[in-house]
Amino acid sequence: CHGREERFLDCLLAYCRAGGRVEAGVAFQLLDTFAALPLERCTPAQRETLLRFAESSVRYRELTVRTAAALLLRELLPVLLLSELPWVLLSELLRERRKSVLLLLLHRIHCH
């Protein structure tokens, strides 16, 4: 996302980068908004933040939040696979033993 859109998205992504969990309703609204974005126009750093936020959101108890996270991942995965996804980050996450199913899948696709 370029220009004004990029600055707007960065404001929303600040919630994701804050490190703390947001209320379930806020998480759902963010995930739903992110899934509607033209993800192919986002920067690699923005896509990385979206990926991390979606992954952390699947831990919510609320089914609506987990479903919204899965939908964002479904939209994000093809864009990540076709882009310059930072594979170094992927390796780093795997070394940190943060082995989610998504990260293991991405690692297998990249390494084979």
PDB file of N, CA and C in Angstrom:
ATOM      1  N   CYS A   1       0.856  -1.171   0.000  1.00  0.00           N
ATOM      2  CA  CYS A   1       0.000   0.000   0.000  1.00  0.00           C
ATOM      3  C   CYS A   1       0.899   1.229   0.000  1.00  0.00           C
ATOM      4  N   HIS A   2       0.618   2.140  -0.886  1.00  0.00           N
ATOM      5  CA  HIS A   2       1.521   3.273  -1.064  1.00  0.00           C
ATOM      6  C   HIS A   2       0.856   4.586  -0.664  1.00  0.00           C
ATOM      7  N   GLY A   3       1.660   5.550  -0.244  1.00  0.00           N
ATOM      8  CA  GLY A   3       1.175   6.886   0.065  1.00  0.00           C
ATOM      9  C   GLY A   3       0.261   6.916   1.261  1.00  0.00           C
ATOM     10  N   ARG A   4      -0.877   7.597   1.074  1.00  0.00           N
ATOM     11  CA  ARG A   4      -1.833   7.748   2.167  1.00  0.00           C
ATOM     12  C   ARG A   4      -2.326   6.415   2.691  1.00  0.00           C
ATOM     13  N   GLU A   5      -2.562   5.472   1.775  1.00  0.00           N
ATOM     14  CA  GLU A   5      -3.035   4.162   2.202  1.00  0.00           C
ATOM     15  C   GLU A   5      -2.023   3.483   3.114  1.00  0.00           C
ATOM     16  N   GLU A   6      -0.751   3.634   2.774  1.00  0.00           N
ATOM     17  CA  GLU A   6       0.298   3.006   3.585  1.00  0.00           C
ATOM     18  C   GLU A   6       0.322   3.588   4.994  1.00  0.00           C
ATOM     19  N   ARG A   7       0.200   4.914   5.097  1.00  0.00           N
ATOM     20  CA  ARG A   7       0.192   5.541   6.422  1.00  0.00           C
ATOM     21  C   ARG A   7      -1.039   5.119   7.223  1.00  0.00           C
ATOM     22  N   PHE A   8      -2.184   5.018   6.553  1.00  0.00           N
ATOM     23  CA  PHE A   8      -3.402   4.577   7.223  1.00  0.00           C
ATOM     24  C   PHE A   8      -3.242   3.149   7.728  1.00  0.00           C
ATOM     25  N   LEU A   9      -2.721   2.287   6.866  1.00  0.00           N
ATOM     26  CA  LEU A   9      -2.520   0.895   7.264  1.00  0.00           C
ATOM     27  C   LEU A   9      -1.522   0.806   8.414  1.00  0.00           C
ATOM     28  N   ASP A  10      -0.477   1.599   8.371  1.00  0.00           N
ATOM     29  CA  ASP A  10       0.499   1.569   9.460  1.00  0.00           C
ATOM     30  C   ASP A  10      -0.137   1.947  10.798  1.00  0.00           C
ATOM     31  N   CYS A  11      -1.127   2.855  10.774  1.00  0.00           N
ATOM     32  CA  CYS A  11      -1.835   3.200  12.013  1.00  0.00           C
ATOM     33  C   CYS A  11      -2.602   1.988  12.543  1.00  0.00           C
ATOM     34  N   LEU A  12      -3.257   1.253  11.642  1.00  0.00           N
ATOM     35  CA  LEU A  12      -3.968   0.047  12.070  1.00  0.00           C
ATOM     36  C   LEU A  12      -2.999  -1.024  12.546  1.00  0.00           C
ATOM     37  N   LEU A  13      -1.878  -1.148  11.857  1.00  0.00           N
ATOM     38  CA  LEU A  13      -0.905  -2.176  12.221  1.00  0.00           C
ATOM     39  C   LEU A  13      -0.240  -1.888  13.564  1.00  0.00           C
ATOM     40  N   ALA A  14      -0.323  -0.647  14.025  1.00  0.00           N
ATOM     41  CA  ALA A  14       0.236  -0.316  15.339  1.00  0.00           C
ATOM     42  C   ALA A  14      -0.424  -1.165  16.424  1.00  0.00           C
ATOM     43  N   TYR A  15      -1.718  -1.475  16.258  1.00  0.00           N
ATOM     44  CA  TYR A  15      -2.396  -2.359  17.210  1.00  0.00           C
ATOM     45  C   TYR A  15      -1.730  -3.732  17.215  1.00  0.00           C
ATOM     46  N   CYS A  16      -1.337  -4.191  16.046  1.00  0.00           N
ATOM     47  CA  CYS A  16      -0.748  -5.520  15.928  1.00  0.00           C
ATOM     48  C   CYS A  16       0.658  -5.556  16.507  1.00  0.00           C
ATOM     49  N   ARG A  17       1.380  -4.471  16.352  1.00  0.00           N
ATOM     50  CA  ARG A  17       2.770  -4.424  16.804  1.00  0.00           C
ATOM     51  C   ARG A  17       2.899  -4.143  18.295  1.00  0.00           C
ATOM     52  N   ALA A  18       1.812  -3.723  18.928  1.00  0.00           N
ATOM     53  CA  ALA A  18       1.863  -3.321  20.333  1.00  0.00           C
ATOM     54  C   ALA A  18       2.291  -4.468  21.247  1.00  0.00           C
ATOM     55  N   GLY A  19       2.121  -5.690  20.794  1.00  0.00           N
ATOM     56  CA  GLY A  19       2.575  -6.831  21.580  1.00  0.00           C
ATOM     57  C   GLY A  19       1.538  -7.386  22.519  1.00  0.00           C
ATOM     58  N   GLY A  20       0.595  -6.573  22.944  1.00  0.00           N
ATOM     59  CA  GLY A  20      -0.449  -7.060  23.834  1.00  0.00           C
ATOM     60  C   GLY A  20      -1.667  -7.490  23.048  1.00  0.00           C
ATOM     61  N   ARG A  21      -2.480  -8.272  23.700  1.00  0.00           N
ATOM     62  CA  ARG A  21      -3.718  -8.702  23.045  1.00  0.00           C
ATOM     63  C   ARG A  21      -4.741  -7.579  23.112  1.00  0.00           C
ATOM     64  N   VAL A  22      -5.491  -7.451  22.047  1.00  0.00           N
ATOM     65  CA  VAL A  22      -6.584  -6.495  22.026  1.00  0.00           C
ATOM     66  C   VAL A  22      -7.872  -7.251  22.354  1.00  0.00           C
ATOM     67  N   GLU A  23      -8.911  -6.523  22.686  1.00  0.00           N
ATOM     68  CA  GLU A  23     -10.194  -7.168  22.968  1.00  0.00           C
ATOM     69  C   GLU A  23     -10.641  -7.958  21.750  1.00  0.00           C
ATOM     70  N   ALA A  24     -11.409  -8.991  21.993  1.00  0.00           N
ATOM     71  CA  ALA A  24     -11.838  -9.877  20.914  1.00  0.00           C
ATOM     72  C   ALA A  24     -12.587  -9.128  19.814  1.00  0.00           C
ATOM     73  N   GLY A  25     -13.450  -8.196  20.189  1.00  0.00           N
ATOM     74  CA  GLY A  25     -14.201  -7.434  19.193  1.00  0.00           C
ATOM     75  C   GLY A  25     -13.293  -6.596  18.311  1.00  0.00           C
ATOM     76  N   VAL A  26     -12.281  -6.005  18.918  1.00  0.00           N
ATOM     77  CA  VAL A  26     -11.314  -5.204  18.161  1.00  0.00           C
ATOM     78  C   VAL A  26     -10.493  -6.107  17.248  1.00  0.00           C
ATOM     79  N   ALA A  27     -10.059  -7.243  17.769  1.00  0.00           N
ATOM     80  CA  ALA A  27      -9.288  -8.186  16.953  1.00  0.00           C
ATOM     81  C   ALA A  27     -10.101  -8.626  15.741  1.00  0.00           C
ATOM     82  N   PHE A  28     -11.386  -8.935  15.949  1.00  0.00           N
ATOM     83  CA  PHE A  28     -12.236  -9.358  14.844  1.00  0.00           C
ATOM     84  C   PHE A  28     -12.338  -8.260  13.784  1.00  0.00           C
ATOM     85  N   GLN A  29     -12.573  -7.032  14.228  1.00  0.00           N
ATOM     86  CA  GLN A  29     -12.711  -5.918  13.276  1.00  0.00           C
ATOM     87  C   GLN A  29     -11.421  -5.699  12.491  1.00  0.00           C
ATOM     88  N   LEU A  30     -10.286  -5.783  13.173  1.00  0.00           N
ATOM     89  CA  LEU A  30      -9.005  -5.619  12.481  1.00  0.00           C
ATOM     90  C   LEU A  30      -8.782  -6.732  11.464  1.00  0.00           C
ATOM     91  N   LEU A  31      -9.010  -7.965  11.881  1.00  0.00           N
ATOM     92  CA  LEU A  31      -8.807  -9.104  10.979  1.00  0.00           C
ATOM     93  C   LEU A  31      -9.716  -9.004   9.760  1.00  0.00           C
ATOM     94  N   ASP A  32     -10.964  -8.634   9.978  1.00  0.00           N
ATOM     95  CA  ASP A  32     -11.918  -8.495   8.887  1.00  0.00           C
ATOM     96  C   ASP A  32     -11.485  -7.381   7.930  1.00  0.00           C
ATOM     97  N   THR A  33     -11.003  -6.284   8.476  1.00  0.00           N
ATOM     98  CA  THR A  33     -10.511  -5.165   7.656  1.00  0.00           C
ATOM     99  C   THR A  33      -9.282  -5.583   6.867  1.00  0.00           C
ATOM    100  N   PHE A  34      -8.345  -6.246   7.524  1.00  0.00           N
ATOM    101  CA  PHE A  34      -7.110  -6.658   6.857  1.00  0.00           C
ATOM    102  C   PHE A  34      -7.386  -7.626   5.714  1.00  0.00           C
ATOM    103  N   ALA A  35      -8.347  -8.536   5.895  1.00  0.00           N
ATOM    104  CA  ALA A  35      -8.661  -9.518   4.852  1.00  0.00           C
ATOM    105  C   ALA A  35      -9.233  -8.852   3.606  1.00  0.00           C
ATOM    106  N   ALA A  36      -9.819  -7.664   3.761  1.00  0.00           N
ATOM    107  CA  ALA A  36     -10.413  -6.954   2.624  1.00  0.00           C
ATOM    108  C   ALA A  36      -9.413  -6.067   1.887  1.00  0.00           C
ATOM    109  N   LEU A  37      -8.198  -5.973   2.402  1.00  0.00           N
ATOM    110  CA  LEU A  37      -7.178  -5.117   1.774  1.00  0.00           C
ATOM    111  C   LEU A  37      -6.628  -5.741   0.496  1.00  0.00           C
ATOM    112  N   PRO A  38      -6.131  -4.896  -0.409  1.00  0.00           N
ATOM    113  CA  PRO A  38      -5.390  -5.438  -1.562  1.00  0.00           C
ATOM    114  C   PRO A  38      -3.990  -5.853  -1.083  1.00  0.00           C
ATOM    115  N   LEU A  39      -3.880  -7.049  -0.557  1.00  0.00           N
ATOM    116  CA  LEU A  39      -2.662  -7.496   0.128  1.00  0.00           C
ATOM    117  C   LEU A  39      -1.435  -7.499  -0.768  1.00  0.00           C
ATOM    118  N   GLU A  40      -1.635  -7.678  -2.060  1.00  0.00           N
ATOM    119  CA  GLU A  40      -0.492  -7.678  -2.975  1.00  0.00           C
ATOM    120  C   GLU A  40       0.166  -6.299  -3.061  1.00  0.00           C
ATOM    121  N   ARG A  41      -0.536  -5.253  -2.645  1.00  0.00           N
ATOM    122  CA  ARG A  41       0.034  -3.900  -2.668  1.00  0.00           C
ATOM    123  C   ARG A  41       0.710  -3.514  -1.359  1.00  0.00           C
ATOM    124  N   CYS A  42       0.600  -4.370  -0.344  1.00  0.00           N
ATOM    125  CA  CYS A  42       1.237  -4.085   0.939  1.00  0.00           C
ATOM    126  C   CYS A  42       2.732  -4.368   0.841  1.00  0.00           C
ATOM    127  N   THR A  43       3.488  -3.690   1.671  1.00  0.00           N
ATOM    128  CA  THR A  43       4.933  -3.907   1.701  1.00  0.00           C
ATOM    129  C   THR A  43       5.223  -5.248   2.373  1.00  0.00           C
ATOM    130  N   PRO A  44       6.413  -5.810   2.153  1.00  0.00           N
ATOM    131  CA  PRO A  44       6.773  -7.055   2.848  1.00  0.00           C
ATOM    132  C   PRO A  44       6.670  -6.933   4.370  1.00  0.00           C
ATOM    133  N   ALA A  45       7.063  -5.794   4.912  1.00  0.00           N
ATOM    134  CA  ALA A  45       6.981  -5.613   6.367  1.00  0.00           C
ATOM    135  C   ALA A  45       5.531  -5.606   6.840  1.00  0.00           C
ATOM    136  N   GLN A  46       4.648  -4.981   6.060  1.00  0.00           N
ATOM    137  CA  GLN A  46       3.240  -4.971   6.423  1.00  0.00           C
ATOM    138  C   GLN A  46       2.658  -6.379   6.365  1.00  0.00           C
ATOM    139  N   ARG A  47       3.014  -7.127   5.329  1.00  0.00           N
ATOM    140  CA  ARG A  47       2.511  -8.506   5.210  1.00  0.00           C
ATOM    141  C   ARG A  47       3.029  -9.368   6.359  1.00  0.00           C
ATOM    142  N   GLU A  48       4.259  -9.142   6.755  1.00  0.00           N
ATOM    143  CA  GLU A  48       4.828  -9.885   7.883  1.00  0.00           C
ATOM    144  C   GLU A  48       4.044  -9.596   9.164  1.00  0.00           C
ATOM    145  N   THR A  49       3.713  -8.338   9.387  1.00  0.00           N
ATOM    146  CA  THR A  49       2.940  -7.961  10.567  1.00  0.00           C
ATOM    147  C   THR A  49       1.552  -8.583  10.524  1.00  0.00           C
ATOM    148  N   LEU A  50       0.934  -8.575   9.347  1.00  0.00           N
ATOM    149  CA  LEU A  50      -0.378  -9.192   9.198  1.00  0.00           C
ATOM    150  C   LEU A  50      -0.312 -10.694   9.493  1.00  0.00           C
ATOM    151  N   LEU A  51       0.731 -11.334   9.011  1.00  0.00           N
ATOM    152  CA  LEU A  51       0.909 -12.763   9.255  1.00  0.00           C
ATOM    153  C   LEU A  51       1.042 -13.046  10.745  1.00  0.00           C
ATOM    154  N   ARG A  52       1.880 -12.286  11.410  1.00  0.00           N
ATOM    155  CA  ARG A  52       2.072 -12.487  12.856  1.00  0.00           C
ATOM    156  C   ARG A  52       0.780 -12.236  13.634  1.00  0.00           C
ATOM    157  N   PHE A  53       0.032 -11.186  13.238  1.00  0.00           N
ATOM    158  CA  PHE A  53      -1.218 -10.871  13.928  1.00  0.00           C
ATOM    159  C   PHE A  53      -2.245 -11.985  13.720  1.00  0.00           C
ATOM    160  N   ALA A  54      -2.352 -12.476  12.503  1.00  0.00           N
ATOM    161  CA  ALA A  54      -3.294 -13.564  12.228  1.00  0.00           C
ATOM    162  C   ALA A  54      -2.922 -14.805  13.026  1.00  0.00           C
ATOM    163  N   GLU A  55      -1.642 -15.110  13.065  1.00  0.00           N
ATOM    164  CA  GLU A  55      -1.196 -16.292  13.826  1.00  0.00           C
ATOM    165  C   GLU A  55      -1.513 -16.149  15.311  1.00  0.00           C
ATOM    166  N   SER A  56      -1.269 -14.979  15.870  1.00  0.00           N
ATOM    167  CA  SER A  56      -1.544 -14.801  17.293  1.00  0.00           C
ATOM    168  C   SER A  56      -3.050 -14.781  17.566  1.00  0.00           C
ATOM    169  N   SER A  57      -3.840 -14.385  16.584  1.00  0.00           N
ATOM    170  CA  SER A  57      -5.287 -14.288  16.777  1.00  0.00           C
ATOM    171  C   SER A  57      -5.983 -15.641  16.806  1.00  0.00           C
ATOM    172  N   VAL A  58      -5.355 -16.668  16.274  1.00  0.00           N
ATOM    173  CA  VAL A  58      -6.002 -17.985  16.328  1.00  0.00           C
ATOM    174  C   VAL A  58      -6.017 -18.539  17.750  1.00  0.00           C
ATOM    175  N   ARG A  59      -5.370 -17.878  18.670  1.00  0.00           N
ATOM    176  CA  ARG A  59      -5.356 -18.327  20.068  1.00  0.00           C
ATOM    177  C   ARG A  59      -6.520 -17.772  20.887  1.00  0.00           C
ATOM    178  N   TYR A  60      -7.302 -16.866  20.294  1.00  0.00           N
ATOM    179  CA  TYR A  60      -8.462 -16.338  21.011  1.00  0.00           C
ATOM    180  C   TYR A  60      -9.483 -17.457  21.235  1.00  0.00           C
ATOM    181  N   ARG A  61     -10.249 -17.339  22.288  1.00  0.00           N
ATOM    182  CA  ARG A  61     -11.288 -18.327  22.579  1.00  0.00           C
ATOM    183  C   ARG A  61     -12.498 -18.148  21.672  1.00  0.00           C
ATOM    184  N   GLU A  62     -12.732 -16.916  21.242  1.00  0.00           N
ATOM    185  CA  GLU A  62     -13.919 -16.604  20.453  1.00  0.00           C
ATOM    186  C   GLU A  62     -13.792 -17.164  19.042  1.00  0.00           C
ATOM    187  N   LEU A  63     -14.795 -17.931  18.655  1.00  0.00           N
ATOM    188  CA  LEU A  63     -14.804 -18.556  17.339  1.00  0.00           C
ATOM    189  C   LEU A  63     -14.784 -17.528  16.219  1.00  0.00           C
ATOM    190  N   THR A  64     -15.450 -16.397  16.412  1.00  0.00           N
ATOM    191  CA  THR A  64     -15.480 -15.376  15.360  1.00  0.00           C
ATOM    192  C   THR A  64     -14.081 -14.828  15.081  1.00  0.00           C
ATOM    193  N   VAL A  65     -13.290 -14.655  16.119  1.00  0.00           N
ATOM    194  CA  VAL A  65     -11.923 -14.143  15.945  1.00  0.00           C
ATOM    195  C   VAL A  65     -11.059 -15.197  15.258  1.00  0.00           C
ATOM    196  N   ARG A  66     -11.163 -16.439  15.702  1.00  0.00           N
ATOM    197  CA  ARG A  66     -10.370 -17.511  15.075  1.00  0.00           C
ATOM    198  C   ARG A  66     -10.742 -17.698  13.612  1.00  0.00           C
ATOM    199  N   THR A  67     -12.021 -17.581  13.311  1.00  0.00           N
ATOM    200  CA  THR A  67     -12.470 -17.707  11.923  1.00  0.00           C
ATOM    201  C   THR A  67     -11.953 -16.546  11.078  1.00  0.00           C
ATOM    202  N   ALA A  68     -12.030 -15.333  11.615  1.00  0.00           N
ATOM    203  CA  ALA A  68     -11.521 -14.168  10.886  1.00  0.00           C
ATOM    204  C   ALA A  68     -10.017 -14.298  10.652  1.00  0.00           C
ATOM    205  N   ALA A  69      -9.289 -14.841  11.617  1.00  0.00           N
ATOM    206  CA  ALA A  69      -7.849 -15.054  11.453  1.00  0.00           C
ATOM    207  C   ALA A  69      -7.584 -16.061  10.341  1.00  0.00           C
ATOM    208  N   ALA A  70      -8.369 -17.132  10.307  1.00  0.00           N
ATOM    209  CA  ALA A  70      -8.207 -18.144   9.251  1.00  0.00           C
ATOM    210  C   ALA A  70      -8.504 -17.550   7.879  1.00  0.00           C
ATOM    211  N   LEU A  71      -9.520 -16.702   7.803  1.00  0.00           N
ATOM    212  CA  LEU A  71      -9.848 -16.060   6.522  1.00  0.00           C
ATOM    213  C   LEU A  71      -8.739 -15.113   6.069  1.00  0.00           C
ATOM    214  N   LEU A  72      -8.152 -14.378   7.014  1.00  0.00           N
ATOM    215  CA  LEU A  72      -7.028 -13.510   6.649  1.00  0.00           C
ATOM    216  C   LEU A  72      -5.856 -14.353   6.164  1.00  0.00           C
ATOM    217  N   LEU A  73      -5.563 -15.437   6.844  1.00  0.00           N
ATOM    218  CA  LEU A  73      -4.466 -16.310   6.414  1.00  0.00           C
ATOM    219  C   LEU A  73      -4.735 -16.883   5.023  1.00  0.00           C
ATOM    220  N   ARG A  74      -5.997 -17.219   4.754  1.00  0.00           N
ATOM    221  CA  ARG A  74      -6.353 -17.742   3.429  1.00  0.00           C
ATOM    222  C   ARG A  74      -6.093 -16.700   2.337  1.00  0.00           C
ATOM    223  N   GLU A  75      -6.362 -15.437   2.634  1.00  0.00           N
ATOM    224  CA  GLU A  75      -6.117 -14.364   1.662  1.00  0.00           C
ATOM    225  C   GLU A  75      -4.623 -14.035   1.566  1.00  0.00           C
ATOM    226  N   LEU A  76      -3.940 -14.143   2.678  1.00  0.00           N
ATOM    227  CA  LEU A  76      -2.539 -13.736   2.763  1.00  0.00           C
ATOM    228  C   LEU A  76      -1.577 -14.767   2.190  1.00  0.00           C
ATOM    229  N   LEU A  77      -1.866 -16.027   2.364  1.00  0.00           N
ATOM    230  CA  LEU A  77      -0.939 -17.076   1.963  1.00  0.00           C
ATOM    231  C   LEU A  77      -0.547 -17.021   0.486  1.00  0.00           C
ATOM    232  N   PRO A  78      -1.486 -16.908  -0.463  1.00  0.00           N
ATOM    233  CA  PRO A  78      -1.063 -16.843  -1.877  1.00  0.00           C
ATOM    234  C   PRO A  78      -0.181 -15.631  -2.182  1.00  0.00           C
ATOM    235  N   VAL A  79      -0.481 -14.516  -1.542  1.00  0.00           N
ATOM    236  CA  VAL A  79       0.321 -13.310  -1.762  1.00  0.00           C
ATOM    237  C   VAL A  79       1.732 -13.517  -1.223  1.00  0.00           C
ATOM    238  N   LEU A  80       1.835 -14.136  -0.055  1.00  0.00           N
ATOM    239  CA  LEU A  80       3.146 -14.389   0.544  1.00  0.00           C
ATOM    240  C   LEU A  80       3.961 -15.358  -0.303  1.00  0.00           C
ATOM    241  N   LEU A  81       3.317 -16.375  -0.823  1.00  0.00           N
ATOM    242  CA  LEU A  81       4.036 -17.372  -1.614  1.00  0.00           C
ATOM    243  C   LEU A  81       4.534 -16.814  -2.936  1.00  0.00           C
ATOM    244  N   LEU A  82       3.856 -15.806  -3.458  1.00  0.00           N
ATOM    245  CA  LEU A  82       4.253 -15.216  -4.739  1.00  0.00           C
ATOM    246  C   LEU A  82       5.143 -13.992  -4.572  1.00  0.00           C
ATOM    247  N   SER A  83       5.387 -13.597  -3.343  1.00  0.00           N
ATOM    248  CA  SER A  83       6.135 -12.362  -3.105  1.00  0.00           C
ATOM    249  C   SER A  83       7.533 -12.650  -2.582  1.00  0.00           C
ATOM    250  N   GLU A  84       8.174 -11.589  -2.162  1.00  0.00           N
ATOM    251  CA  GLU A  84       9.516 -11.678  -1.613  1.00  0.00           C
ATOM    252  C   GLU A  84       9.452 -11.867  -0.101  1.00  0.00           C
ATOM    253  N   LEU A  85       8.644 -12.832   0.334  1.00  0.00           N
ATOM    254  CA  LEU A  85       8.512 -13.121   1.759  1.00  0.00           C
ATOM    255  C   LEU A  85       9.893 -13.298   2.373  1.00  0.00           C
ATOM    256  N   PRO A  86      10.137 -12.641   3.491  1.00  0.00           N
ATOM    257  CA  PRO A  86      11.461 -12.747   4.114  1.00  0.00           C
ATOM    258  C   PRO A  86      11.689 -14.138   4.697  1.00  0.00           C
ATOM    259  N   TRP A  87      12.314 -15.004   3.909  1.00  0.00           N
ATOM    260  CA  TRP A  87      12.538 -16.386   4.329  1.00  0.00           C
ATOM    261  C   TRP A  87      13.480 -16.458   5.525  1.00  0.00           C
ATOM    262  N   VAL A  88      14.289 -15.440   5.716  1.00  0.00           N
ATOM    263  CA  VAL A  88      15.149 -15.405   6.902  1.00  0.00           C
ATOM    264  C   VAL A  88      14.279 -15.341   8.151  1.00  0.00           C
ATOM    265  N   LEU A  89      13.215 -14.543   8.094  1.00  0.00           N
ATOM    266  CA  LEU A  89      12.297 -14.447   9.224  1.00  0.00           C
ATOM    267  C   LEU A  89      11.662 -15.804   9.498  1.00  0.00           C
ATOM    268  N   LEU A  90      11.263 -16.481   8.459  1.00  0.00           N
ATOM    269  CA  LEU A  90      10.662 -17.801   8.610  1.00  0.00           C
ATOM    270  C   LEU A  90      11.619 -18.749   9.323  1.00  0.00           C
ATOM    271  N   SER A  91      12.860 -18.763   8.885  1.00  0.00           N
ATOM    272  CA  SER A  91      13.858 -19.625   9.534  1.00  0.00           C
ATOM    273  C   SER A  91      14.053 -19.235  10.991  1.00  0.00           C
ATOM    274  N   GLU A  92      14.055 -17.930  11.252  1.00  0.00           N
ATOM    275  CA  GLU A  92      14.228 -17.444  12.626  1.00  0.00           C
ATOM    276  C   GLU A  92      13.080 -17.906  13.512  1.00  0.00           C
ATOM    277  N   LEU A  93      11.859 -17.801  13.006  1.00  0.00           N
ATOM    278  CA  LEU A  93      10.701 -18.233  13.788  1.00  0.00           C
ATOM    279  C   LEU A  93      10.759 -19.734  14.067  1.00  0.00           C
ATOM    280  N   LEU A  94      11.186 -20.497  13.078  1.00  0.00           N
ATOM    281  CA  LEU A  94      11.292 -21.940  13.277  1.00  0.00           C
ATOM    282  C   LEU A  94      12.371 -22.273  14.295  1.00  0.00           C
ATOM    283  N   ARG A  95      13.478 -21.525  14.277  1.00  0.00           N
ATOM    284  CA  ARG A  95      14.542 -21.754  15.255  1.00  0.00           C
ATOM    285  C   ARG A  95      14.072 -21.411  16.660  1.00  0.00           C
ATOM    286  N   GLU A  96      13.184 -20.421  16.774  1.00  0.00           N
ATOM    287  CA  GLU A  96      12.661 -20.028  18.085  1.00  0.00           C
ATOM    288  C   GLU A  96      11.635 -21.022  18.617  1.00  0.00           C
ATOM    289  N   ARG A  97      11.433 -22.106  17.889  1.00  0.00           N
ATOM    290  CA  ARG A  97      10.482 -23.157  18.271  1.00  0.00           C
ATOM    291  C   ARG A  97       9.039 -22.664  18.258  1.00  0.00           C
ATOM    292  N   ARG A  98       8.777 -21.653  17.468  1.00  0.00           N
ATOM    293  CA  ARG A  98       7.404 -21.170  17.311  1.00  0.00           C
ATOM    294  C   ARG A  98       6.843 -21.821  16.059  1.00  0.00           C
ATOM    295  N   LYS A  99       6.738 -23.125  16.093  1.00  0.00           N
ATOM    296  CA  LYS A  99       6.390 -23.905  14.910  1.00  0.00           C
ATOM    297  C   LYS A  99       4.878 -24.052  14.769  1.00  0.00           C
ATOM    298  N   SER A 100       4.276 -23.120  14.106  1.00  0.00           N
ATOM    299  CA  SER A 100       2.857 -23.254  13.806  1.00  0.00           C
ATOM    300  C   SER A 100       2.720 -24.069  12.529  1.00  0.00           C
ATOM    301  N   VAL A 101       1.535 -24.531  12.283  1.00  0.00           N
ATOM    302  CA  VAL A 101       1.280 -25.299  11.066  1.00  0.00           C
ATOM    303  C   VAL A 101       1.577 -24.451   9.842  1.00  0.00           C
ATOM    304  N   LEU A 102       1.190 -23.185   9.865  1.00  0.00           N
ATOM    305  CA  LEU A 102       1.436 -22.301   8.726  1.00  0.00           C
ATOM    306  C   LEU A 102       2.923 -22.130   8.463  1.00  0.00           C
ATOM    307  N   LEU A 103       3.696 -21.900   9.505  1.00  0.00           N
ATOM    308  CA  LEU A 103       5.133 -21.709   9.317  1.00  0.00           C
ATOM    309  C   LEU A 103       5.788 -22.981   8.795  1.00  0.00           C
ATOM    310  N   LEU A 104       5.376 -24.119   9.306  1.00  0.00           N
ATOM    311  CA  LEU A 104       5.948 -25.374   8.809  1.00  0.00           C
ATOM    312  C   LEU A 104       5.601 -25.588   7.337  1.00  0.00           C
ATOM    313  N   LEU A 105       4.376 -25.249   6.949  1.00  0.00           N
ATOM    314  CA  LEU A 105       3.961 -25.363   5.554  1.00  0.00           C
ATOM    315  C   LEU A 105       4.795 -24.441   4.665  1.00  0.00           C
ATOM    316  N   LEU A 106       4.943 -23.196   5.078  1.00  0.00           N
ATOM    317  CA  LEU A 106       5.752 -22.250   4.296  1.00  0.00           C
ATOM    318  C   LEU A 106       7.190 -22.721   4.180  1.00  0.00           C
ATOM    319  N   HIS A 107       7.728 -23.245   5.256  1.00  0.00           N
ATOM    320  CA  HIS A 107       9.105 -23.726   5.237  1.00  0.00           C
ATOM    321  C   HIS A 107       9.252 -24.890   4.252  1.00  0.00           C
ATOM    322  N   ARG A 108       8.311 -25.821   4.285  1.00  0.00           N
ATOM    323  CA  ARG A 108       8.377 -26.964   3.359  1.00  0.00           C
ATOM    324  C   ARG A 108       8.269 -26.498   1.914  1.00  0.00           C
ATOM    325  N   ILE A 109       7.379 -25.573   1.634  1.00  0.00           N
ATOM    326  CA  ILE A 109       7.222 -25.077   0.260  1.00  0.00           C
ATOM    327  C   ILE A 109       8.492 -24.394  -0.209  1.00  0.00           C
ATOM    328  N   HIS A 110       9.095 -23.589   0.655  1.00  0.00           N
ATOM    329  CA  HIS A 110      10.286 -22.832   0.285  1.00  0.00           C
ATOM    330  C   HIS A 110      11.502 -23.745   0.106  1.00  0.00           C
ATOM    331  N   CYS A 111      11.621 -24.750   0.950  1.00  0.00           N
ATOM    332  CA  CYS A 111      12.829 -25.582   0.953  1.00  0.00           C
ATOM    333  C   CYS A 111      12.743 -26.761   0.001  1.00  0.00           C
ATOM    334  N   HIS A 112      11.626 -27.008  -0.631  1.00  0.00           N
ATOM    335  CA  HIS A 112      11.514 -28.156  -1.532  1.00  0.00           C
ATOM    336  C   HIS A 112      11.230 -27.737  -2.934  1.00  0.00           C
TER     337      HIS A 112
END
